[in-house]
Structures are given as structure tokens and as C-alpha cells.
Amino acid sequence: MQYVLIVLAAALIATVASNAYYPKPAYPAPAYPSYSKSYDYAAMPYHFAWAVKDDYTYNDYAHQETADDKGYVSGSYRTLLPDGRTQTVTYKADDYSGYVADVKYDGEAKYPTEYKPSAYKPVAGYPSSPAYPSSYPAYKPAYPAPAYPKY
């Protein structure tokens, strides 16, 4: 037991002594400003809102958000889903409770019961399939296919 304590004490003394003889190098300060505290800026109030409604492409969505000078942010966004419903998300965010969202769906989901592809109707004056001339030669490979042994 005494031998273990002597070894540990020697290791501790060696570690302390090595740090005394080899000090850490002094590096110069960086030439660029430090952005490590980028979230320490004071909150700035703002408000924005935008919306898109394009019936041709079925795009229908919007977003609005408001922030005050204390860092409290609230807003909502909505989008038209492929099943016909509208999804609306209302949210609030601050340093105390974090991001809290309330998701609601308006409308009823509609799914087609059976897929019915549209019937192809050729344009008048155009042939339904291209006509290839019969003068093309028949395909003949330049070399015979390799014969693989059967195992």
C-alpha cells in the first residue's frame, strides 16, 4: 500500500514540475472580431407577413411573424396540403418556455377512390404513332454471342 502511495505522489510531483518547466505558449489575439457571443445582442422588434396563392399551380401558403424588444416572438403559417386540407401552425417562442406550436387542420381530407388516367386524344392532323420507313436493315450483331459453359 505504501508503495502505491509513493508512486502516485511521484507521478503528481512529476506532472507539476513538467508544467513549471514547459509553460503554455502565448498566442497572439486573432485579427478578426469574435462572433462567439452573437446571441447577446439586444432583441429588435420586427413584423413581416407574406402570402402566395396561385390557383394554376395549387400553391397556397402564407407566413406572418412579430417580435418585440424583449425577445418574444409569435406568428403563424399555413399551407394547403395535397389532400385538400389547410394546415395552420400558430407558434410562440421566448427564452423562458422555448418554441411552443399549436397545429390545426381545416377541411376534410379527400382521397380519390380509384385512379383514372386521362384518355389520350391525339391532336388533329398529327399521326397517333410515328411511321418509320421499312427500308431500315434488320439488326445483325457484328460478333456472335459468347457461349458460357454450363456448370
C-alpha atoms as a PDB file:
ATOM      1  CA  MET A   1       0.000   0.000   0.000  1.00  0.00           C
ATOM      2  CA  GLN A   2       2.800   2.404   0.854  1.00  0.00           C
ATOM      3  CA  TYR A   3       4.459   1.602  -2.463  1.00  0.00           C
ATOM      4  CA  VAL A   4       1.300   2.686  -4.384  1.00  0.00           C
ATOM      5  CA  LEU A   5       1.127   5.977  -2.480  1.00  0.00           C
ATOM      6  CA  ILE A   6       4.799   6.683  -3.187  1.00  0.00           C
ATOM      7  CA  VAL A   7       4.283   6.037  -6.923  1.00  0.00           C
ATOM      8  CA  LEU A   8       1.192   8.272  -7.039  1.00  0.00           C
ATOM      9  CA  ALA A   9       2.999  11.067  -5.165  1.00  0.00           C
ATOM     10  CA  ALA A  10       5.956  10.816  -7.556  1.00  0.00           C
ATOM     11  CA  ALA A  11       3.642  10.993 -10.579  1.00  0.00           C
ATOM     12  CA  LEU A  12       1.918  14.076  -9.139  1.00  0.00           C
ATOM     13  CA  ILE A  13       5.242  15.813  -8.461  1.00  0.00           C
ATOM     14  CA  ALA A  14       6.463  14.984 -11.985  1.00  0.00           C
ATOM     15  CA  THR A  15       3.289  16.428 -13.523  1.00  0.00           C
ATOM     16  CA  VAL A  16       3.532  19.671 -11.552  1.00  0.00           C
ATOM     17  CA  ALA A  17       7.248  20.004 -12.296  1.00  0.00           C
ATOM     18  CA  SER A  18       6.782  19.434 -16.030  1.00  0.00           C
ATOM     19  CA  ASN A  19       4.166  22.198 -16.205  1.00  0.00           C
ATOM     20  CA  ALA A  20       6.544  24.584 -14.404  1.00  0.00           C
ATOM     21  CA  TYR A  21       9.365  24.000 -16.886  1.00  0.00           C
ATOM     22  CA  TYR A  22       7.175  23.962 -20.008  1.00  0.00           C
ATOM     23  CA  PRO A  23       4.713  26.860 -19.787  1.00  0.00           C
ATOM     24  CA  LYS A  24       1.940  27.135 -22.339  1.00  0.00           C
ATOM     25  CA  PRO A  25       2.838  29.317 -25.319  1.00  0.00           C
ATOM     26  CA  ALA A  26       1.216  32.746 -25.569  1.00  0.00           C
ATOM     27  CA  TYR A  27      -0.687  33.030 -28.840  1.00  0.00           C
ATOM     28  CA  PRO A  28      -1.460  36.444 -30.314  1.00  0.00           C
ATOM     29  CA  ALA A  29      -5.047  37.647 -30.313  1.00  0.00           C
ATOM     30  CA  PRO A  30      -6.947  36.899 -33.543  1.00  0.00           C
ATOM     31  CA  ALA A  31      -7.066  39.692 -36.105  1.00  0.00           C
ATOM     32  CA  TYR A  32     -10.808  39.230 -36.695  1.00  0.00           C
ATOM     33  CA  PRO A  33     -13.618  40.092 -34.258  1.00  0.00           C
ATOM     34  CA  SER A  34     -15.103  37.323 -32.149  1.00  0.00           C
ATOM     35  CA  TYR A  35     -18.676  36.350 -33.011  1.00  0.00           C
ATOM     36  CA  SER A  36     -18.990  33.760 -30.276  1.00  0.00           C
ATOM     37  CA  LYS A  37     -21.499  35.944 -28.401  1.00  0.00           C
ATOM     38  CA  SER A  38     -23.730  36.620 -31.393  1.00  0.00           C
ATOM     39  CA  TYR A  39     -26.890  35.915 -29.365  1.00  0.00           C
ATOM     40  CA  ASP A  40     -26.051  38.541 -26.743  1.00  0.00           C
ATOM     41  CA  TYR A  41     -27.357  41.367 -28.918  1.00  0.00           C
ATOM     42  CA  ALA A  42     -30.460  43.172 -27.775  1.00  0.00           C
ATOM     43  CA  ALA A  43     -33.637  41.957 -29.433  1.00  0.00           C
ATOM     44  CA  MET A  44     -35.020  44.222 -32.137  1.00  0.00           C
ATOM     45  CA  PRO A  45     -38.759  44.427 -32.789  1.00  0.00           C
ATOM     46  CA  TYR A  46     -39.941  43.454 -36.262  1.00  0.00           C
ATOM     47  CA  HIS A  47     -43.004  42.314 -38.157  1.00  0.00           C
ATOM     48  CA  PHE A  48     -43.353  40.610 -41.519  1.00  0.00           C
ATOM     49  CA  ALA A  49     -46.071  38.879 -43.472  1.00  0.00           C
ATOM     50  CA  TRP A  50     -46.272  37.298 -46.906  1.00  0.00           C
ATOM     51  CA  ALA A  51     -48.631  35.037 -48.804  1.00  0.00           C
ATOM     52  CA  VAL A  52     -48.758  33.115 -52.085  1.00  0.00           C
ATOM     53  CA  LYS A  53     -51.958  32.000 -53.783  1.00  0.00           C
ATOM     54  CA  ASP A  54     -51.596  30.621 -57.294  1.00  0.00           C
ATOM     55  CA  ASP A  55     -54.583  28.630 -58.499  1.00  0.00           C
ATOM     56  CA  TYR A  56     -52.775  27.383 -61.599  1.00  0.00           C
ATOM     57  CA  THR A  57     -50.060  25.562 -59.608  1.00  0.00           C
ATOM     58  CA  TYR A  58     -52.202  24.925 -56.478  1.00  0.00           C
ATOM     59  CA  ASN A  59     -49.740  26.878 -54.322  1.00  0.00           C
ATOM     60  CA  ASP A  60     -51.491  28.440 -51.350  1.00  0.00           C
ATOM     61  CA  TYR A  61     -49.397  29.287 -48.304  1.00  0.00           C
ATOM     62  CA  ALA A  62     -48.652  32.230 -46.007  1.00  0.00           C
ATOM     63  CA  HIS A  63     -46.459  33.219 -43.059  1.00  0.00           C
ATOM     64  CA  GLN A  64     -46.563  36.112 -40.604  1.00  0.00           C
ATOM     65  CA  GLU A  65     -44.375  36.805 -37.582  1.00  0.00           C
ATOM     66  CA  THR A  66     -43.971  39.514 -34.953  1.00  0.00           C
ATOM     67  CA  ALA A  67     -41.205  40.053 -32.391  1.00  0.00           C
ATOM     68  CA  ASP A  68     -40.941  42.605 -29.598  1.00  0.00           C
ATOM     69  CA  ASP A  69     -37.900  44.201 -27.981  1.00  0.00           C
ATOM     70  CA  LYS A  70     -37.871  41.642 -25.147  1.00  0.00           C
ATOM     71  CA  GLY A  71     -37.221  38.641 -27.416  1.00  0.00           C
ATOM     72  CA  TYR A  72     -40.823  37.338 -27.518  1.00  0.00           C
ATOM     73  CA  VAL A  73     -41.708  36.009 -30.975  1.00  0.00           C
ATOM     74  CA  SER A  74     -45.143  34.944 -32.162  1.00  0.00           C
ATOM     75  CA  GLY A  75     -46.550  34.092 -35.541  1.00  0.00           C
ATOM     76  CA  SER A  76     -48.319  31.606 -37.727  1.00  0.00           C
ATOM     77  CA  TYR A  77     -48.004  29.928 -41.074  1.00  0.00           C
ATOM     78  CA  ARG A  78     -50.440  27.961 -43.188  1.00  0.00           C
ATOM     79  CA  THR A  79     -50.220  25.760 -46.229  1.00  0.00           C
ATOM     80  CA  LEU A  80     -52.608  23.884 -48.476  1.00  0.00           C
ATOM     81  CA  LEU A  81     -51.928  20.146 -48.196  1.00  0.00           C
ATOM     82  CA  PRO A  82     -52.179  17.731 -51.157  1.00  0.00           C
ATOM     83  CA  ASP A  83     -55.255  16.059 -49.633  1.00  0.00           C
ATOM     84  CA  GLY A  84     -57.211  19.346 -49.735  1.00  0.00           C
ATOM     85  CA  ARG A  85     -56.905  20.329 -46.062  1.00  0.00           C
ATOM     86  CA  THR A  86     -55.275  23.520 -44.838  1.00  0.00           C
ATOM     87  CA  GLN A  87     -52.644  23.157 -42.106  1.00  0.00           C
ATOM     88  CA  THR A  88     -52.253  26.165 -39.798  1.00  0.00           C
ATOM     89  CA  VAL A  89     -49.422  26.368 -37.259  1.00  0.00           C
ATOM     90  CA  THR A  90     -49.574  29.112 -34.616  1.00  0.00           C
ATOM     91  CA  TYR A  91     -46.440  29.450 -32.513  1.00  0.00           C
ATOM     92  CA  LYS A  92     -44.852  31.432 -29.696  1.00  0.00           C
ATOM     93  CA  ALA A  93     -41.183  31.472 -28.739  1.00  0.00           C
ATOM     94  CA  ASP A  94     -39.197  33.089 -25.950  1.00  0.00           C
ATOM     95  CA  ASP A  95     -36.228  32.376 -23.700  1.00  0.00           C
ATOM     96  CA  TYR A  96     -38.406  31.071 -20.867  1.00  0.00           C
ATOM     97  CA  SER A  97     -40.655  28.459 -22.479  1.00  0.00           C
ATOM     98  CA  GLY A  98     -38.903  27.901 -25.823  1.00  0.00           C
ATOM     99  CA  TYR A  99     -40.823  27.154 -29.014  1.00  0.00           C
ATOM    100  CA  VAL A 100     -44.463  26.202 -28.480  1.00  0.00           C
ATOM    101  CA  ALA A 101     -46.603  25.396 -31.519  1.00  0.00           C
ATOM    102  CA  ASP A 102     -50.299  24.673 -31.992  1.00  0.00           C
ATOM    103  CA  VAL A 103     -51.136  22.754 -35.186  1.00  0.00           C
ATOM    104  CA  LYS A 104     -54.670  22.743 -36.634  1.00  0.00           C
ATOM    105  CA  TYR A 105     -56.185  21.290 -39.779  1.00  0.00           C
ATOM    106  CA  ASP A 106     -59.157  22.835 -41.583  1.00  0.00           C
ATOM    107  CA  GLY A 107     -61.285  20.960 -44.068  1.00  0.00           C
ATOM    108  CA  GLU A 108     -61.716  17.288 -44.802  1.00  0.00           C
ATOM    109  CA  ALA A 109     -59.126  15.059 -46.434  1.00  0.00           C
ATOM    110  CA  LYS A 110     -60.217  13.846 -49.853  1.00  0.00           C
ATOM    111  CA  TYR A 111     -58.615  10.836 -51.468  1.00  0.00           C
ATOM    112  CA  PRO A 112     -59.569   9.541 -54.901  1.00  0.00           C
ATOM    113  CA  THR A 113     -61.266   6.152 -54.728  1.00  0.00           C
ATOM    114  CA  GLU A 114     -59.823   4.940 -57.996  1.00  0.00           C
ATOM    115  CA  TYR A 115     -57.093   6.213 -60.272  1.00  0.00           C
ATOM    116  CA  LYS A 116     -58.490   7.155 -63.640  1.00  0.00           C
ATOM    117  CA  PRO A 117     -55.861   8.250 -66.125  1.00  0.00           C
ATOM    118  CA  SER A 118     -56.988  10.787 -68.657  1.00  0.00           C
ATOM    119  CA  ALA A 119     -57.683   9.294 -72.070  1.00  0.00           C
ATOM    120  CA  TYR A 120     -55.122  10.165 -74.712  1.00  0.00           C
ATOM    121  CA  LYS A 121     -56.574  12.118 -77.591  1.00  0.00           C
ATOM    122  CA  PRO A 122     -54.210  12.820 -80.481  1.00  0.00           C
ATOM    123  CA  VAL A 123     -54.210  16.301 -81.909  1.00  0.00           C
ATOM    124  CA  ALA A 124     -55.977  16.580 -85.226  1.00  0.00           C
ATOM    125  CA  GLY A 125     -53.551  16.465 -88.131  1.00  0.00           C
ATOM    126  CA  TYR A 126     -50.856  14.526 -86.280  1.00  0.00           C
ATOM    127  CA  PRO A 127     -50.466  10.746 -86.561  1.00  0.00           C
ATOM    128  CA  SER A 128     -51.066   8.737 -83.391  1.00  0.00           C
ATOM    129  CA  SER A 129     -47.694   6.985 -83.735  1.00  0.00           C
ATOM    130  CA  PRO A 130     -44.659   7.848 -85.851  1.00  0.00           C
ATOM    131  CA  ALA A 131     -44.296   5.965 -89.104  1.00  0.00           C
ATOM    132  CA  TYR A 132     -40.826   4.533 -89.683  1.00  0.00           C
ATOM    133  CA  PRO A 133     -39.690   3.636 -93.158  1.00  0.00           C
ATOM    134  CA  SER A 134     -39.398  -0.059 -93.853  1.00  0.00           C
ATOM    135  CA  SER A 135     -36.061   0.429 -95.592  1.00  0.00           C
ATOM    136  CA  TYR A 136     -34.091   0.112 -92.327  1.00  0.00           C
ATOM    137  CA  PRO A 137     -31.927  -3.032 -92.396  1.00  0.00           C
ATOM    138  CA  ALA A 138     -32.541  -5.740 -89.866  1.00  0.00           C
ATOM    139  CA  TYR A 139     -30.189  -5.710 -86.890  1.00  0.00           C
ATOM    140  CA  LYS A 140     -27.360  -8.210 -87.053  1.00  0.00           C
ATOM    141  CA  PRO A 141     -24.700  -8.317 -84.349  1.00  0.00           C
ATOM    142  CA  ALA A 142     -21.137  -7.927 -85.561  1.00  0.00           C
ATOM    143  CA  TYR A 143     -19.930 -10.831 -83.408  1.00  0.00           C
ATOM    144  CA  PRO A 144     -21.737 -13.925 -82.200  1.00  0.00           C
ATOM    145  CA  ALA A 145     -22.804 -14.001 -78.585  1.00  0.00           C
ATOM    146  CA  PRO A 146     -20.250 -15.673 -76.292  1.00  0.00           C
ATOM    147  CA  ALA A 147     -21.000 -19.221 -75.258  1.00  0.00           C
ATOM    148  CA  TYR A 148     -20.874 -19.636 -71.476  1.00  0.00           C
ATOM    149  CA  PRO A 149     -20.150 -23.049 -70.039  1.00  0.00           C
ATOM    150  CA  LYS A 150     -22.930 -24.699 -68.055  1.00  0.00           C
ATOM    151  CA  TYR A 151     -21.982 -25.804 -64.557  1.00  0.00           C
END
